[in-house]
């Protein structure tokens, strides 16, 4: 509750106006700070999200390479060299030859 002014109404109004102006300035500063903080958090979030996507893509690529290698090793272990070896020995070959190359 506002204090009762014991001075003239003009002086009282000036005092109230001054307090309201100071309060308005403080609220505006708080709003500006909140907006800057929100912008900074959003920017940080975007950076972290992009970094995570990049790292996950790298992990997926590595897993894909391991899976491909595992398939090739299984084929060799089972005596099925297939088109992988063919294409190594006959560069540009797109034909699967189905087995070991002599």
C-alpha atoms as a PDB file:
ATOM      1  CA  UNK A   1       0.000   0.000   0.000  1.00  0.00           C
ATOM      2  CA  UNK A   2       1.242   3.467  -0.826  1.00  0.00           C
ATOM      3  CA  UNK A   3       2.277   5.627   2.113  1.00  0.00           C
ATOM      4  CA  UNK A   4       0.044   8.526   2.920  1.00  0.00           C
ATOM      5  CA  UNK A   5       1.593  11.797   1.743  1.00  0.00           C
ATOM      6  CA  UNK A   6       1.731  14.443   4.391  1.00  0.00           C
ATOM      7  CA  UNK A   7       2.941  17.069   1.968  1.00  0.00           C
ATOM      8  CA  UNK A   8       1.183  18.988  -0.771  1.00  0.00           C
ATOM      9  CA  UNK A   9      -0.510  16.901  -3.440  1.00  0.00           C
ATOM     10  CA  UNK A  10       1.814  18.276  -6.115  1.00  0.00           C
ATOM     11  CA  UNK A  11       4.919  17.199  -4.193  1.00  0.00           C
ATOM     12  CA  UNK A  12       3.259  13.905  -3.370  1.00  0.00           C
ATOM     13  CA  UNK A  13       2.471  13.283  -7.051  1.00  0.00           C
ATOM     14  CA  UNK A  14       6.075  14.061  -8.011  1.00  0.00           C
ATOM     15  CA  UNK A  15       7.349  11.613  -5.393  1.00  0.00           C
ATOM     16  CA  UNK A  16       4.987   8.898  -6.643  1.00  0.00           C
ATOM     17  CA  UNK A  17       5.907   9.601 -10.276  1.00  0.00           C
ATOM     18  CA  UNK A  18       9.603   9.396  -9.394  1.00  0.00           C
ATOM     19  CA  UNK A  19       9.135   6.046  -7.614  1.00  0.00           C
ATOM     20  CA  UNK A  20       7.078   4.684 -10.512  1.00  0.00           C
ATOM     21  CA  UNK A  21       9.695   5.790 -13.046  1.00  0.00           C
ATOM     22  CA  UNK A  22      12.439   4.047 -11.035  1.00  0.00           C
ATOM     23  CA  UNK A  23      10.290   0.918 -10.765  1.00  0.00           C
ATOM     24  CA  UNK A  24       9.541   0.996 -14.489  1.00  0.00           C
ATOM     25  CA  UNK A  25      13.246   1.300 -15.268  1.00  0.00           C
ATOM     26  CA  UNK A  26      14.067  -1.663 -12.997  1.00  0.00           C
ATOM     27  CA  UNK A  27      11.360  -3.792 -14.610  1.00  0.00           C
ATOM     28  CA  UNK A  28      12.626  -2.877 -18.094  1.00  0.00           C
ATOM     29  CA  UNK A  29      16.187  -3.833 -17.129  1.00  0.00           C
ATOM     30  CA  UNK A  30      14.954  -7.162 -15.766  1.00  0.00           C
ATOM     31  CA  UNK A  31      13.011  -7.782 -18.995  1.00  0.00           C
ATOM     32  CA  UNK A  32      16.038  -6.917 -21.145  1.00  0.00           C
ATOM     33  CA  UNK A  33      18.232  -9.247 -19.087  1.00  0.00           C
ATOM     34  CA  UNK A  34      15.669 -12.049 -19.358  1.00  0.00           C
ATOM     35  CA  UNK A  35      15.472 -11.618 -23.141  1.00  0.00           C
ATOM     36  CA  UNK A  36      19.265 -11.689 -23.492  1.00  0.00           C
ATOM     37  CA  UNK A  37      19.440 -14.778 -21.297  1.00  0.00           C
ATOM     38  CA  UNK A  38      16.759 -16.497 -23.346  1.00  0.00           C
ATOM     39  CA  UNK A  39      18.642 -15.701 -26.549  1.00  0.00           C
ATOM     40  CA  UNK A  40      21.901 -17.000 -25.077  1.00  0.00           C
ATOM     41  CA  UNK A  41      20.280 -20.230 -23.897  1.00  0.00           C
ATOM     42  CA  UNK A  42      18.681 -20.732 -27.307  1.00  0.00           C
ATOM     43  CA  UNK A  43      22.022 -20.197 -29.029  1.00  0.00           C
ATOM     44  CA  UNK A  44      23.763 -22.572 -26.626  1.00  0.00           C
ATOM     45  CA  UNK A  45      21.046 -25.182 -27.170  1.00  0.00           C
ATOM     46  CA  UNK A  46      21.440 -24.926 -30.952  1.00  0.00           C
ATOM     47  CA  UNK A  47      25.206 -25.342 -30.642  1.00  0.00           C
ATOM     48  CA  UNK A  48      24.910 -28.385 -28.379  1.00  0.00           C
ATOM     49  CA  UNK A  49      22.260 -29.923 -30.663  1.00  0.00           C
ATOM     50  CA  UNK A  50      24.451 -29.454 -33.745  1.00  0.00           C
ATOM     51  CA  UNK A  51      27.481 -30.905 -31.960  1.00  0.00           C
ATOM     52  CA  UNK A  52      25.453 -33.925 -30.853  1.00  0.00           C
ATOM     53  CA  UNK A  53      24.159 -34.488 -34.401  1.00  0.00           C
ATOM     54  CA  UNK A  54      27.687 -34.307 -35.793  1.00  0.00           C
ATOM     55  CA  UNK A  55      29.035 -36.711 -33.189  1.00  0.00           C
ATOM     56  CA  UNK A  56      26.159 -39.155 -33.648  1.00  0.00           C
ATOM     57  CA  UNK A  57      26.685 -39.092 -37.416  1.00  0.00           C
ATOM     58  CA  UNK A  58      30.341 -39.996 -36.830  1.00  0.00           C
ATOM     59  CA  UNK A  59      29.345 -42.854 -34.544  1.00  0.00           C
ATOM     60  CA  UNK A  60      26.817 -44.100 -37.094  1.00  0.00           C
ATOM     61  CA  UNK A  61      29.465 -43.988 -39.829  1.00  0.00           C
ATOM     62  CA  UNK A  62      31.893 -45.945 -37.657  1.00  0.00           C
ATOM     63  CA  UNK A  63      29.236 -48.523 -36.812  1.00  0.00           C
ATOM     64  CA  UNK A  64      28.391 -48.844 -40.490  1.00  0.00           C
ATOM     65  CA  UNK A  65      32.057 -49.494 -41.279  1.00  0.00           C
ATOM     66  CA  UNK A  66      32.269 -52.105 -38.519  1.00  0.00           C
ATOM     67  CA  UNK A  67      29.091 -53.801 -39.744  1.00  0.00           C
ATOM     68  CA  UNK A  68      30.442 -53.918 -43.301  1.00  0.00           C
ATOM     69  CA  UNK A  69      33.755 -55.288 -42.097  1.00  0.00           C
ATOM     70  CA  UNK A  70      31.966 -57.890 -39.968  1.00  0.00           C
ATOM     71  CA  UNK A  71      30.005 -59.054 -43.020  1.00  0.00           C
ATOM     72  CA  UNK A  72      33.203 -59.363 -45.049  1.00  0.00           C
ATOM     73  CA  UNK A  73      34.972 -61.291 -42.274  1.00  0.00           C
ATOM     74  CA  UNK A  74      31.980 -63.630 -41.948  1.00  0.00           C
ATOM     75  CA  UNK A  75      32.066 -64.212 -45.699  1.00  0.00           C
ATOM     76  CA  UNK A  76      35.766 -65.024 -45.634  1.00  0.00           C
ATOM     77  CA  UNK A  77      35.307 -67.325 -42.628  1.00  0.00           C
ATOM     78  CA  UNK A  78      32.527 -69.155 -44.460  1.00  0.00           C
ATOM     79  CA  UNK A  79      34.515 -69.426 -47.698  1.00  0.00           C
ATOM     80  CA  UNK A  80      32.386 -66.906 -49.604  1.00  0.00           C
ATOM     81  CA  UNK A  81      34.631 -64.122 -50.769  1.00  0.00           C
ATOM     82  CA  UNK A  82      32.072 -62.901 -53.282  1.00  0.00           C
ATOM     83  CA  UNK A  83      32.097 -59.655 -55.162  1.00  0.00           C
ATOM     84  CA  UNK A  84      34.158 -57.772 -52.597  1.00  0.00           C
ATOM     85  CA  UNK A  85      37.360 -59.585 -53.508  1.00  0.00           C
ATOM     86  CA  UNK A  86      36.423 -59.666 -57.185  1.00  0.00           C
ATOM     87  CA  UNK A  87      36.128 -55.912 -57.291  1.00  0.00           C
ATOM     88  CA  UNK A  88      39.432 -55.556 -55.496  1.00  0.00           C
ATOM     89  CA  UNK A  89      41.216 -57.764 -58.019  1.00  0.00           C
ATOM     90  CA  UNK A  90      39.309 -56.573 -61.097  1.00  0.00           C
ATOM     91  CA  UNK A  91      38.910 -52.869 -60.567  1.00  0.00           C
ATOM     92  CA  UNK A  92      35.623 -51.533 -61.841  1.00  0.00           C
ATOM     93  CA  UNK A  93      33.982 -54.965 -61.845  1.00  0.00           C
ATOM     94  CA  UNK A  94      30.306 -54.782 -60.959  1.00  0.00           C
ATOM     95  CA  UNK A  95      29.590 -58.465 -61.504  1.00  0.00           C
ATOM     96  CA  UNK A  96      29.354 -60.707 -58.443  1.00  0.00           C
ATOM     97  CA  UNK A  97      31.265 -63.887 -59.082  1.00  0.00           C
ATOM     98  CA  UNK A  98      29.881 -65.805 -56.151  1.00  0.00           C
ATOM     99  CA  UNK A  99      33.011 -67.304 -54.743  1.00  0.00           C
ATOM    100  CA  UNK A 100      36.740 -67.318 -54.415  1.00  0.00           C
ATOM    101  CA  UNK A 101      38.725 -65.800 -57.249  1.00  0.00           C
ATOM    102  CA  UNK A 102      41.610 -67.823 -58.609  1.00  0.00           C
END
